[in-house]
N, C-alpha and C. Protein backbone atom coordinates (compact mmCIF):
# COMPACT_ATOMS: atom_id res chain seq x y z
N MET A 1 -20.90 -0.67 -32.30
CA MET A 1 -21.39 -0.90 -30.95
C MET A 1 -20.45 -1.81 -30.17
N LYS A 2 -19.98 -2.88 -30.80
CA LYS A 2 -19.09 -3.82 -30.11
C LYS A 2 -17.76 -3.17 -29.73
N LYS A 3 -17.30 -2.28 -30.60
CA LYS A 3 -16.03 -1.61 -30.33
C LYS A 3 -16.13 -0.76 -29.07
N GLN A 4 -17.26 -0.10 -28.88
CA GLN A 4 -17.45 0.73 -27.70
C GLN A 4 -17.55 -0.12 -26.43
N GLN A 5 -18.18 -1.27 -26.51
CA GLN A 5 -18.28 -2.15 -25.36
C GLN A 5 -16.91 -2.66 -24.94
N SER A 6 -16.06 -3.00 -25.90
CA SER A 6 -14.75 -3.52 -25.55
C SER A 6 -13.87 -2.42 -24.95
N LYS A 7 -14.11 -1.16 -25.30
CA LYS A 7 -13.36 -0.06 -24.70
C LYS A 7 -13.70 0.09 -23.23
N ASN A 8 -14.97 -0.13 -22.88
CA ASN A 8 -15.42 0.05 -21.50
C ASN A 8 -15.04 -1.12 -20.60
N LYS A 9 -14.75 -2.27 -21.19
CA LYS A 9 -14.38 -3.43 -20.39
C LYS A 9 -12.97 -3.25 -19.84
N LYS A 10 -12.81 -3.55 -18.58
CA LYS A 10 -11.50 -3.47 -17.95
C LYS A 10 -10.97 -4.89 -17.81
N GLY A 11 -9.72 -5.06 -18.15
CA GLY A 11 -9.11 -6.37 -18.10
C GLY A 11 -8.57 -6.69 -16.71
N ILE A 12 -8.01 -7.88 -16.61
CA ILE A 12 -7.47 -8.34 -15.33
C ILE A 12 -6.29 -7.48 -14.89
N LEU A 13 -5.53 -6.95 -15.84
CA LEU A 13 -4.41 -6.09 -15.45
C LEU A 13 -4.86 -4.75 -14.89
N PHE A 14 -6.10 -4.37 -15.16
CA PHE A 14 -6.64 -3.16 -14.53
C PHE A 14 -7.09 -3.46 -13.11
N TRP A 15 -7.83 -4.56 -12.94
CA TRP A 15 -8.46 -4.84 -11.65
C TRP A 15 -7.54 -5.50 -10.64
N LEU A 16 -6.64 -6.37 -11.07
CA LEU A 16 -5.80 -7.11 -10.14
C LEU A 16 -4.95 -6.21 -9.23
N PRO A 17 -4.20 -5.25 -9.74
CA PRO A 17 -3.40 -4.42 -8.83
C PRO A 17 -4.27 -3.56 -7.91
N ARG A 18 -5.42 -3.14 -8.38
CA ARG A 18 -6.29 -2.32 -7.54
C ARG A 18 -6.90 -3.15 -6.42
N LEU A 19 -7.29 -4.38 -6.73
CA LEU A 19 -7.83 -5.27 -5.70
C LEU A 19 -6.75 -5.61 -4.67
N ILE A 20 -5.57 -5.94 -5.13
CA ILE A 20 -4.47 -6.25 -4.20
C ILE A 20 -4.12 -5.02 -3.37
N THR A 21 -4.19 -3.83 -3.98
CA THR A 21 -3.93 -2.59 -3.24
C THR A 21 -4.90 -2.44 -2.08
N LEU A 22 -6.19 -2.64 -2.35
CA LEU A 22 -7.18 -2.51 -1.28
C LEU A 22 -6.97 -3.55 -0.19
N ILE A 23 -6.66 -4.76 -0.56
CA ILE A 23 -6.39 -5.81 0.43
C ILE A 23 -5.14 -5.47 1.24
N PHE A 24 -4.10 -4.97 0.58
CA PHE A 24 -2.86 -4.63 1.28
C PHE A 24 -3.07 -3.46 2.24
N ILE A 25 -3.87 -2.47 1.85
CA ILE A 25 -4.16 -1.36 2.75
C ILE A 25 -4.94 -1.86 3.97
N LEU A 26 -5.87 -2.76 3.77
CA LEU A 26 -6.59 -3.35 4.91
C LEU A 26 -5.64 -4.14 5.81
N PHE A 27 -4.69 -4.85 5.20
CA PHE A 27 -3.70 -5.60 5.97
C PHE A 27 -2.84 -4.65 6.81
N ILE A 28 -2.39 -3.57 6.22
CA ILE A 28 -1.59 -2.59 6.96
C ILE A 28 -2.42 -1.99 8.10
N SER A 29 -3.70 -1.76 7.84
CA SER A 29 -4.58 -1.15 8.84
C SER A 29 -4.79 -2.06 10.05
N MET A 30 -4.71 -3.36 9.85
CA MET A 30 -4.91 -4.29 10.98
C MET A 30 -3.89 -4.09 12.09
N PHE A 31 -2.72 -3.58 11.76
CA PHE A 31 -1.70 -3.39 12.78
C PHE A 31 -2.06 -2.28 13.76
N ALA A 32 -3.05 -1.48 13.44
CA ALA A 32 -3.51 -0.43 14.35
C ALA A 32 -4.32 -0.99 15.51
N LEU A 33 -4.77 -2.22 15.38
CA LEU A 33 -5.63 -2.80 16.41
C LEU A 33 -4.90 -3.04 17.73
N ASP A 34 -3.58 -3.06 17.70
CA ASP A 34 -2.84 -3.28 18.95
C ASP A 34 -2.98 -2.10 19.91
N ILE A 35 -3.48 -0.98 19.43
CA ILE A 35 -3.65 0.19 20.29
C ILE A 35 -4.69 -0.07 21.38
N PHE A 36 -5.63 -0.97 21.12
CA PHE A 36 -6.67 -1.26 22.11
C PHE A 36 -6.15 -2.03 23.32
N SER A 37 -5.01 -2.68 23.20
CA SER A 37 -4.45 -3.42 24.33
C SER A 37 -3.60 -2.53 25.24
N MET A 38 -3.45 -1.26 24.91
CA MET A 38 -2.57 -0.37 25.67
C MET A 38 -3.27 0.39 26.78
N ASN A 39 -4.59 0.31 26.87
CA ASN A 39 -5.36 0.98 27.92
C ASN A 39 -4.99 2.45 28.04
N LEU A 40 -5.13 3.19 26.96
CA LEU A 40 -4.75 4.59 26.92
C LEU A 40 -5.90 5.55 27.22
N GLY A 41 -7.07 5.04 27.47
CA GLY A 41 -8.22 5.91 27.64
C GLY A 41 -8.80 6.27 26.28
N PHE A 42 -9.91 6.99 26.32
CA PHE A 42 -10.62 7.28 25.08
C PHE A 42 -9.80 8.14 24.13
N TRP A 43 -9.34 9.31 24.57
CA TRP A 43 -8.62 10.23 23.68
C TRP A 43 -7.26 9.69 23.29
N GLY A 44 -6.60 8.97 24.20
CA GLY A 44 -5.32 8.36 23.86
C GLY A 44 -5.48 7.29 22.79
N THR A 45 -6.57 6.54 22.88
CA THR A 45 -6.84 5.51 21.88
C THR A 45 -7.18 6.14 20.53
N ILE A 46 -7.98 7.20 20.55
CA ILE A 46 -8.32 7.89 19.30
C ILE A 46 -7.06 8.45 18.64
N PHE A 47 -6.20 9.10 19.44
CA PHE A 47 -4.96 9.65 18.89
C PHE A 47 -4.05 8.53 18.38
N GLY A 48 -3.93 7.44 19.14
CA GLY A 48 -3.12 6.31 18.71
C GLY A 48 -3.63 5.67 17.43
N LEU A 49 -4.95 5.53 17.32
CA LEU A 49 -5.53 4.99 16.09
C LEU A 49 -5.23 5.90 14.90
N PHE A 50 -5.37 7.21 15.12
CA PHE A 50 -5.08 8.14 14.03
C PHE A 50 -3.62 8.02 13.60
N MET A 51 -2.70 7.94 14.55
CA MET A 51 -1.28 7.85 14.22
C MET A 51 -0.98 6.53 13.49
N HIS A 52 -1.57 5.44 13.96
CA HIS A 52 -1.32 4.14 13.33
C HIS A 52 -1.95 4.06 11.94
N LEU A 53 -3.08 4.72 11.75
CA LEU A 53 -3.80 4.62 10.48
C LEU A 53 -3.43 5.70 9.48
N THR A 54 -2.54 6.62 9.83
CA THR A 54 -2.15 7.68 8.91
C THR A 54 -1.63 7.14 7.58
N PRO A 55 -0.72 6.15 7.55
CA PRO A 55 -0.30 5.63 6.23
C PRO A 55 -1.46 5.05 5.43
N SER A 56 -2.35 4.34 6.08
CA SER A 56 -3.50 3.76 5.38
C SER A 56 -4.42 4.84 4.84
N ILE A 57 -4.61 5.90 5.61
CA ILE A 57 -5.47 7.00 5.17
C ILE A 57 -4.87 7.68 3.95
N ILE A 58 -3.56 7.92 3.99
CA ILE A 58 -2.88 8.57 2.87
C ILE A 58 -2.94 7.69 1.62
N LEU A 59 -2.63 6.41 1.78
CA LEU A 59 -2.66 5.49 0.64
C LEU A 59 -4.07 5.38 0.05
N THR A 60 -5.08 5.30 0.91
CA THR A 60 -6.46 5.21 0.44
C THR A 60 -6.87 6.47 -0.32
N ALA A 61 -6.49 7.63 0.19
CA ALA A 61 -6.82 8.89 -0.48
C ALA A 61 -6.18 8.94 -1.87
N ILE A 62 -4.92 8.53 -1.96
CA ILE A 62 -4.23 8.54 -3.25
C ILE A 62 -4.91 7.58 -4.22
N VAL A 63 -5.27 6.40 -3.73
CA VAL A 63 -5.94 5.41 -4.61
C VAL A 63 -7.28 5.94 -5.09
N ILE A 64 -8.04 6.58 -4.22
CA ILE A 64 -9.35 7.12 -4.61
C ILE A 64 -9.18 8.23 -5.64
N ILE A 65 -8.24 9.13 -5.40
CA ILE A 65 -8.05 10.27 -6.31
C ILE A 65 -7.53 9.82 -7.67
N PHE A 66 -6.58 8.88 -7.67
CA PHE A 66 -5.92 8.48 -8.91
C PHE A 66 -6.28 7.06 -9.34
N TRP A 67 -7.53 6.66 -9.16
CA TRP A 67 -7.98 5.30 -9.44
C TRP A 67 -7.63 4.84 -10.86
N ARG A 68 -7.76 5.71 -11.83
CA ARG A 68 -7.52 5.34 -13.23
C ARG A 68 -6.10 5.63 -13.70
N LYS A 69 -5.29 6.23 -12.88
CA LYS A 69 -3.93 6.62 -13.27
C LYS A 69 -2.93 5.58 -12.76
N SER A 70 -2.68 4.57 -13.57
CA SER A 70 -1.81 3.47 -13.17
C SER A 70 -0.38 3.93 -12.88
N LEU A 71 0.09 4.89 -13.64
CA LEU A 71 1.46 5.36 -13.46
C LEU A 71 1.62 6.07 -12.11
N VAL A 72 0.63 6.84 -11.70
CA VAL A 72 0.68 7.51 -10.40
C VAL A 72 0.64 6.48 -9.27
N LEU A 73 -0.21 5.47 -9.42
CA LEU A 73 -0.31 4.44 -8.39
C LEU A 73 0.96 3.59 -8.33
N ALA A 74 1.58 3.36 -9.48
CA ALA A 74 2.87 2.66 -9.48
C ALA A 74 3.91 3.49 -8.73
N GLY A 75 3.92 4.79 -8.96
CA GLY A 75 4.84 5.67 -8.25
C GLY A 75 4.56 5.70 -6.76
N MET A 76 3.28 5.64 -6.39
CA MET A 76 2.93 5.62 -4.96
C MET A 76 3.50 4.38 -4.29
N TRP A 77 3.34 3.22 -4.92
CA TRP A 77 3.84 2.00 -4.31
C TRP A 77 5.37 1.94 -4.32
N ALA A 78 6.00 2.47 -5.36
CA ALA A 78 7.46 2.53 -5.37
C ALA A 78 7.96 3.42 -4.24
N ALA A 79 7.31 4.57 -4.04
CA ALA A 79 7.69 5.47 -2.95
C ALA A 79 7.45 4.81 -1.59
N PHE A 80 6.35 4.06 -1.46
CA PHE A 80 6.08 3.36 -0.21
C PHE A 80 7.16 2.32 0.08
N GLY A 81 7.53 1.54 -0.93
CA GLY A 81 8.56 0.52 -0.74
C GLY A 81 9.91 1.11 -0.38
N ILE A 82 10.30 2.16 -1.10
CA ILE A 82 11.58 2.81 -0.82
C ILE A 82 11.53 3.50 0.54
N GLY A 83 10.41 4.13 0.86
CA GLY A 83 10.26 4.78 2.16
C GLY A 83 10.33 3.80 3.31
N TYR A 84 9.72 2.65 3.14
CA TYR A 84 9.77 1.64 4.21
C TYR A 84 11.19 1.13 4.40
N ILE A 85 11.91 0.95 3.31
CA ILE A 85 13.31 0.54 3.42
C ILE A 85 14.11 1.62 4.15
N ALA A 86 13.85 2.88 3.82
CA ALA A 86 14.57 3.98 4.46
C ALA A 86 14.26 4.07 5.95
N ILE A 87 13.05 3.76 6.34
CA ILE A 87 12.67 3.80 7.76
C ILE A 87 13.26 2.62 8.52
N MET A 88 13.26 1.44 7.90
CA MET A 88 13.70 0.23 8.59
C MET A 88 15.21 0.08 8.66
N THR A 89 15.93 0.64 7.70
CA THR A 89 17.38 0.45 7.64
C THR A 89 18.09 0.92 8.91
N PRO A 90 17.79 2.11 9.46
CA PRO A 90 18.48 2.50 10.71
C PRO A 90 18.22 1.53 11.86
N ASN A 91 17.01 1.00 11.94
CA ASN A 91 16.72 0.01 12.99
C ASN A 91 17.55 -1.25 12.80
N MET A 92 17.70 -1.66 11.54
CA MET A 92 18.48 -2.87 11.26
C MET A 92 19.96 -2.65 11.52
N ILE A 93 20.45 -1.44 11.28
CA ILE A 93 21.86 -1.14 11.54
C ILE A 93 22.13 -1.07 13.03
N ARG A 94 21.22 -0.41 13.78
CA ARG A 94 21.39 -0.27 15.23
C ARG A 94 21.36 -1.61 15.94
N GLN A 95 20.36 -2.38 15.65
CA GLN A 95 20.20 -3.68 16.31
C GLN A 95 19.52 -4.63 15.33
N PHE A 96 20.29 -5.52 14.75
CA PHE A 96 19.74 -6.42 13.74
C PHE A 96 18.93 -7.51 14.40
N GLU A 97 17.72 -7.68 13.91
CA GLU A 97 16.85 -8.79 14.28
C GLU A 97 16.30 -9.36 12.98
N PHE A 98 16.16 -10.67 12.93
CA PHE A 98 15.70 -11.29 11.69
C PHE A 98 14.28 -10.88 11.31
N TYR A 99 13.45 -10.56 12.30
CA TYR A 99 12.10 -10.16 11.95
C TYR A 99 12.08 -8.81 11.24
N TYR A 100 13.08 -7.95 11.46
CA TYR A 100 13.18 -6.71 10.68
C TYR A 100 13.36 -7.04 9.19
N LEU A 101 14.19 -8.01 8.91
CA LEU A 101 14.42 -8.42 7.53
C LEU A 101 13.15 -9.02 6.92
N ALA A 102 12.42 -9.79 7.72
CA ALA A 102 11.16 -10.37 7.24
C ALA A 102 10.14 -9.26 6.94
N TRP A 103 10.05 -8.28 7.82
CA TRP A 103 9.13 -7.15 7.58
C TRP A 103 9.53 -6.40 6.32
N LEU A 104 10.82 -6.19 6.17
CA LEU A 104 11.32 -5.46 5.00
C LEU A 104 10.94 -6.17 3.71
N ILE A 105 11.12 -7.47 3.69
CA ILE A 105 10.79 -8.26 2.50
C ILE A 105 9.28 -8.27 2.26
N GLN A 106 8.50 -8.42 3.33
CA GLN A 106 7.06 -8.50 3.17
C GLN A 106 6.46 -7.19 2.68
N PHE A 107 6.75 -6.10 3.37
CA PHE A 107 6.10 -4.84 3.04
C PHE A 107 6.68 -4.21 1.77
N SER A 108 8.00 -4.12 1.69
CA SER A 108 8.60 -3.52 0.51
C SER A 108 8.42 -4.43 -0.70
N GLY A 109 8.53 -5.72 -0.50
CA GLY A 109 8.34 -6.66 -1.60
C GLY A 109 6.94 -6.57 -2.19
N ALA A 110 5.94 -6.51 -1.32
CA ALA A 110 4.56 -6.36 -1.80
C ALA A 110 4.37 -5.03 -2.53
N ALA A 111 4.99 -3.98 -2.02
CA ALA A 111 4.88 -2.67 -2.68
C ALA A 111 5.53 -2.70 -4.06
N PHE A 112 6.67 -3.37 -4.17
CA PHE A 112 7.34 -3.42 -5.48
C PHE A 112 6.61 -4.33 -6.46
N VAL A 113 5.96 -5.38 -5.98
CA VAL A 113 5.12 -6.21 -6.85
C VAL A 113 3.94 -5.39 -7.37
N LEU A 114 3.33 -4.60 -6.49
CA LEU A 114 2.22 -3.75 -6.93
C LEU A 114 2.71 -2.68 -7.91
N THR A 115 3.91 -2.16 -7.70
CA THR A 115 4.49 -1.20 -8.64
C THR A 115 4.59 -1.85 -10.02
N TYR A 116 5.11 -3.06 -10.06
CA TYR A 116 5.25 -3.79 -11.32
C TYR A 116 3.90 -4.02 -11.99
N LEU A 117 2.88 -4.42 -11.21
CA LEU A 117 1.56 -4.68 -11.78
C LEU A 117 0.93 -3.41 -12.34
N PHE A 118 1.11 -2.28 -11.65
CA PHE A 118 0.57 -1.03 -12.18
C PHE A 118 1.31 -0.59 -13.43
N PHE A 119 2.64 -0.82 -13.48
CA PHE A 119 3.37 -0.52 -14.71
C PHE A 119 2.89 -1.39 -15.85
N LEU A 120 2.63 -2.66 -15.59
CA LEU A 120 2.10 -3.54 -16.63
C LEU A 120 0.76 -3.01 -17.15
N ASP A 121 -0.10 -2.60 -16.23
CA ASP A 121 -1.40 -2.07 -16.64
C ASP A 121 -1.23 -0.81 -17.48
N ARG A 122 -0.32 0.04 -17.11
CA ARG A 122 -0.11 1.29 -17.84
C ARG A 122 0.43 1.05 -19.24
N PHE A 123 1.41 0.19 -19.35
CA PHE A 123 2.10 0.05 -20.63
C PHE A 123 1.51 -1.02 -21.53
N LYS A 124 0.55 -1.82 -21.06
CA LYS A 124 -0.12 -2.77 -21.94
C LYS A 124 -1.11 -2.06 -22.85
N LYS A 125 -1.50 -0.84 -22.49
CA LYS A 125 -2.45 -0.08 -23.29
C LYS A 125 -1.83 0.43 -24.58
N ARG A 126 -0.53 0.56 -24.60
CA ARG A 126 0.13 1.13 -25.77
C ARG A 126 0.38 0.11 -26.77
């Protein structure tokens, strides 16, 4: 009986990356709130919200579908980090601003930390 209970218990390495993932998705979603200051009208605001929230919607769907698959979630965050670097690099080459570098470190760095945590969760089981 005790052996079965310990199998069902999830450790901190299971819950920590998933909790940070949900918090990070909420953090990314907050940037969509600037659409309300643009006075775009009802449909313009709805379209703007959808465009701003598309990454959050995609990330949330992947997390829901692959909740127990740490390796898939690690790959998702690695792809997010590399994708963000790929998107930001042309902006930094065209016109360098220090806040671009700060954004790059914040968003890609958080994605790579989450990648590492999901890899830890996956490979600690073996």
